[in-house]
N, C-alpha and C. Protein backbone atom coordinates (compact mmCIF):
# COMPACT_ATOMS: atom_id res chain seq x y z
N MET A 1 -7.77 -40.62 155.72
CA MET A 1 -8.28 -39.25 156.23
C MET A 1 -9.67 -39.24 156.16
N THR A 2 -10.41 -38.92 157.10
CA THR A 2 -11.89 -38.92 157.14
C THR A 2 -12.50 -37.59 156.69
N ALA A 3 -13.68 -37.56 156.40
CA ALA A 3 -14.50 -36.42 155.92
C ALA A 3 -14.21 -35.30 156.97
N GLN A 4 -14.26 -35.56 158.22
CA GLN A 4 -14.02 -34.73 159.38
C GLN A 4 -12.73 -34.17 159.35
N ASP A 5 -11.74 -34.94 159.10
CA ASP A 5 -10.41 -34.42 159.00
C ASP A 5 -10.22 -33.47 157.80
N ASP A 6 -10.90 -33.84 156.78
CA ASP A 6 -10.84 -33.03 155.60
C ASP A 6 -11.40 -31.52 155.83
N ILE A 7 -12.56 -31.62 156.52
CA ILE A 7 -13.30 -30.43 156.99
C ILE A 7 -12.23 -29.50 157.77
N ALA A 8 -11.74 -30.20 158.76
CA ALA A 8 -10.90 -29.67 159.62
C ALA A 8 -9.66 -28.85 159.03
N SER A 9 -9.11 -29.60 157.95
CA SER A 9 -7.95 -29.21 157.29
C SER A 9 -8.44 -27.95 156.35
N VAL A 10 -9.40 -28.07 155.66
CA VAL A 10 -9.95 -26.91 154.93
C VAL A 10 -10.36 -25.73 155.82
N ALA A 11 -11.00 -25.91 156.97
CA ALA A 11 -11.34 -24.81 157.84
C ALA A 11 -10.05 -24.22 158.31
N GLU A 12 -8.96 -24.85 158.56
CA GLU A 12 -7.72 -24.23 159.10
C GLU A 12 -7.14 -23.71 157.93
N GLN A 13 -7.01 -24.15 156.74
CA GLN A 13 -6.58 -23.35 155.53
C GLN A 13 -7.38 -22.05 155.31
N LEU A 14 -8.65 -22.13 155.60
CA LEU A 14 -9.59 -20.92 155.37
C LEU A 14 -9.14 -19.92 156.35
N ALA A 15 -8.98 -20.35 157.63
CA ALA A 15 -8.75 -19.34 158.62
C ALA A 15 -7.27 -18.73 158.27
N THR A 16 -6.32 -19.53 157.95
CA THR A 16 -5.11 -18.97 157.44
C THR A 16 -5.12 -17.96 156.42
N LEU A 17 -5.92 -18.28 155.45
CA LEU A 17 -6.33 -17.44 154.34
C LEU A 17 -6.90 -16.14 154.63
N THR A 18 -7.89 -16.23 155.50
CA THR A 18 -8.56 -15.14 156.13
C THR A 18 -7.62 -14.03 156.87
N ARG A 19 -6.76 -14.78 157.81
CA ARG A 19 -5.85 -13.86 158.37
C ARG A 19 -4.87 -13.12 157.35
N ALA A 20 -4.53 -13.88 156.35
CA ALA A 20 -3.50 -13.30 155.38
C ALA A 20 -4.27 -12.10 154.60
N VAL A 21 -5.49 -12.47 154.34
CA VAL A 21 -6.21 -11.27 153.70
C VAL A 21 -6.36 -10.03 154.55
N GLU A 22 -6.68 -10.27 155.71
CA GLU A 22 -6.97 -9.19 156.77
C GLU A 22 -5.64 -8.39 156.90
N ASP A 23 -4.43 -9.18 156.94
CA ASP A 23 -3.04 -8.44 156.98
C ASP A 23 -2.85 -7.72 155.73
N MET A 24 -3.17 -8.26 154.59
CA MET A 24 -3.05 -7.41 153.36
C MET A 24 -4.00 -6.14 153.26
N ALA A 25 -5.13 -6.25 153.87
CA ALA A 25 -6.09 -5.22 153.89
C ALA A 25 -5.48 -4.10 154.91
N ASP A 26 -4.81 -4.50 155.93
CA ASP A 26 -4.29 -3.57 156.78
C ASP A 26 -3.14 -2.95 156.25
N GLN A 27 -2.37 -3.59 155.52
CA GLN A 27 -1.18 -3.07 154.67
C GLN A 27 -1.62 -2.04 153.64
N LEU A 28 -2.81 -2.50 152.97
CA LEU A 28 -3.29 -1.69 152.01
C LEU A 28 -3.80 -0.28 152.47
N LYS A 29 -4.45 -0.37 153.68
CA LYS A 29 -5.06 0.84 154.30
C LYS A 29 -3.78 1.73 154.73
N THR A 30 -2.77 1.25 155.30
CA THR A 30 -1.54 1.89 155.73
C THR A 30 -0.91 2.74 154.46
N LEU A 31 -0.87 1.86 153.35
CA LEU A 31 -0.22 2.48 152.19
C LEU A 31 -1.14 3.63 151.53
N ARG A 32 -2.42 3.36 151.60
CA ARG A 32 -3.34 4.47 151.14
C ARG A 32 -3.21 5.68 152.17
N GLU A 33 -3.17 5.66 153.39
CA GLU A 33 -2.93 6.72 154.36
C GLU A 33 -1.75 7.44 154.14
N ARG A 34 -0.56 6.63 153.88
CA ARG A 34 0.63 7.30 153.61
C ARG A 34 0.61 7.95 152.25
N SER A 35 0.03 7.41 151.37
CA SER A 35 0.07 8.15 149.91
C SER A 35 -0.76 9.29 150.08
N GLN A 36 -1.91 9.37 150.84
CA GLN A 36 -2.57 10.59 150.92
C GLN A 36 -1.99 11.55 151.68
N SER A 37 -1.05 11.25 152.87
CA SER A 37 -0.37 12.11 153.45
C SER A 37 0.89 12.73 152.67
N GLN A 38 1.40 11.72 151.87
CA GLN A 38 2.36 12.38 150.84
C GLN A 38 1.82 13.35 149.78
N GLN A 39 0.55 12.90 149.34
CA GLN A 39 0.05 13.82 148.41
C GLN A 39 -0.42 15.27 148.84
N GLU A 40 -0.79 15.12 150.23
CA GLU A 40 -1.00 16.42 150.80
C GLU A 40 0.04 17.33 151.18
N ARG A 41 1.29 16.66 151.32
CA ARG A 41 2.67 17.44 151.53
C ARG A 41 3.04 17.94 150.16
N THR A 42 2.72 17.12 149.05
CA THR A 42 3.20 17.59 147.82
C THR A 42 2.39 18.79 147.30
N ASP A 43 1.18 18.67 147.56
CA ASP A 43 0.10 19.69 147.26
C ASP A 43 0.44 21.12 148.08
N THR A 44 0.84 20.85 149.31
CA THR A 44 1.33 22.22 150.19
C THR A 44 2.59 22.66 149.58
N GLN A 45 3.63 21.88 149.27
CA GLN A 45 4.67 22.22 148.69
C GLN A 45 4.56 22.92 147.19
N GLN A 46 3.64 22.53 146.59
CA GLN A 46 3.28 23.04 145.17
C GLN A 46 2.77 24.61 145.39
N GLU A 47 1.75 24.57 146.39
CA GLU A 47 1.20 25.73 146.68
C GLU A 47 2.31 26.82 147.11
N ARG A 48 3.32 26.44 147.93
CA ARG A 48 4.24 27.33 148.29
C ARG A 48 5.27 27.76 147.26
N ILE A 49 5.60 26.66 146.39
CA ILE A 49 6.35 26.90 145.11
C ILE A 49 5.64 28.18 144.31
N GLU A 50 4.46 27.86 143.93
CA GLU A 50 3.65 28.82 143.23
C GLU A 50 3.59 30.31 143.99
N LEU A 51 3.45 30.31 145.13
CA LEU A 51 3.35 31.65 145.87
C LEU A 51 4.72 32.26 145.73
N ALA A 52 5.77 31.59 146.04
CA ALA A 52 7.04 32.08 146.00
C ALA A 52 7.33 32.58 144.53
N ALA A 53 6.90 31.74 143.62
CA ALA A 53 7.09 32.22 142.06
C ALA A 53 6.44 33.69 141.80
N LYS A 54 5.16 33.74 142.30
CA LYS A 54 4.37 34.97 142.20
C LYS A 54 5.05 36.09 142.86
N GLU A 55 5.44 35.81 144.09
CA GLU A 55 6.39 36.92 144.78
C GLU A 55 7.70 37.29 144.11
N LEU A 56 8.29 36.43 143.44
CA LEU A 56 9.51 36.71 142.78
C LEU A 56 8.99 37.45 141.48
N THR A 57 8.01 37.22 140.90
CA THR A 57 7.52 37.95 139.73
C THR A 57 7.20 39.40 140.15
N ASP A 58 6.45 39.50 141.24
CA ASP A 58 6.15 40.79 141.72
C ASP A 58 7.44 41.61 142.02
N VAL A 59 8.45 40.95 142.80
CA VAL A 59 9.66 41.66 142.97
C VAL A 59 10.29 42.12 141.78
N SER A 60 10.55 41.24 140.80
CA SER A 60 11.10 41.48 139.58
C SER A 60 10.50 42.67 138.85
N ASP A 61 8.97 42.67 138.88
CA ASP A 61 8.31 43.69 138.18
C ASP A 61 8.69 45.15 138.85
N ARG A 62 8.54 45.02 140.20
CA ARG A 62 9.04 46.29 140.96
C ARG A 62 10.47 46.78 140.62
N LEU A 63 11.32 45.81 140.63
CA LEU A 63 12.65 46.19 140.41
C LEU A 63 12.89 46.71 138.90
N GLN A 64 12.18 46.03 137.88
CA GLN A 64 12.22 46.72 136.70
C GLN A 64 11.61 47.94 136.43
N SER A 65 10.57 48.32 137.28
CA SER A 65 9.96 49.70 137.28
C SER A 65 11.02 50.61 137.89
N ALA A 66 11.57 50.27 138.91
CA ALA A 66 12.51 51.12 139.62
C ALA A 66 13.80 51.35 138.66
N ALA A 67 14.24 50.34 137.96
CA ALA A 67 15.31 50.65 136.85
C ALA A 67 14.84 51.57 135.78
N ASN A 68 13.69 51.34 135.41
CA ASN A 68 13.23 52.26 134.40
C ASN A 68 13.11 53.62 134.70
N ALA A 69 12.52 53.79 136.02
CA ALA A 69 12.33 55.27 136.59
C ALA A 69 13.90 55.74 136.78
N LEU A 70 14.78 55.08 137.19
CA LEU A 70 16.07 55.48 137.25
C LEU A 70 16.72 56.05 136.09
N ARG A 71 16.52 55.05 135.02
CA ARG A 71 17.01 55.50 133.70
C ARG A 71 16.33 56.83 133.17
N ALA A 72 15.02 56.85 133.41
CA ALA A 72 14.28 58.09 133.02
C ALA A 72 14.86 59.41 133.65
N SER A 73 15.35 59.10 135.00
CA SER A 73 15.72 60.32 135.70
C SER A 73 17.23 60.73 135.22
N ILE A 74 17.93 59.85 134.51
CA ILE A 74 19.30 60.32 134.25
C ILE A 74 19.41 61.14 133.14
């Protein structure tokens, strides 16, 4: 094998490695985007859960007040 053949072989290996790294970078970008999207959905769901819990607490308080008023009127 000549020096030129060695250089060509190394250049081909480097090109293959470069493509593999670019593919991994694309995959990582996709995973990051999916992760960010999932986190946004999770945050939205958490906000909805917290809002629903607050509304339930408010309803419970109103029901308790109504029950107390009913007891007092009896």
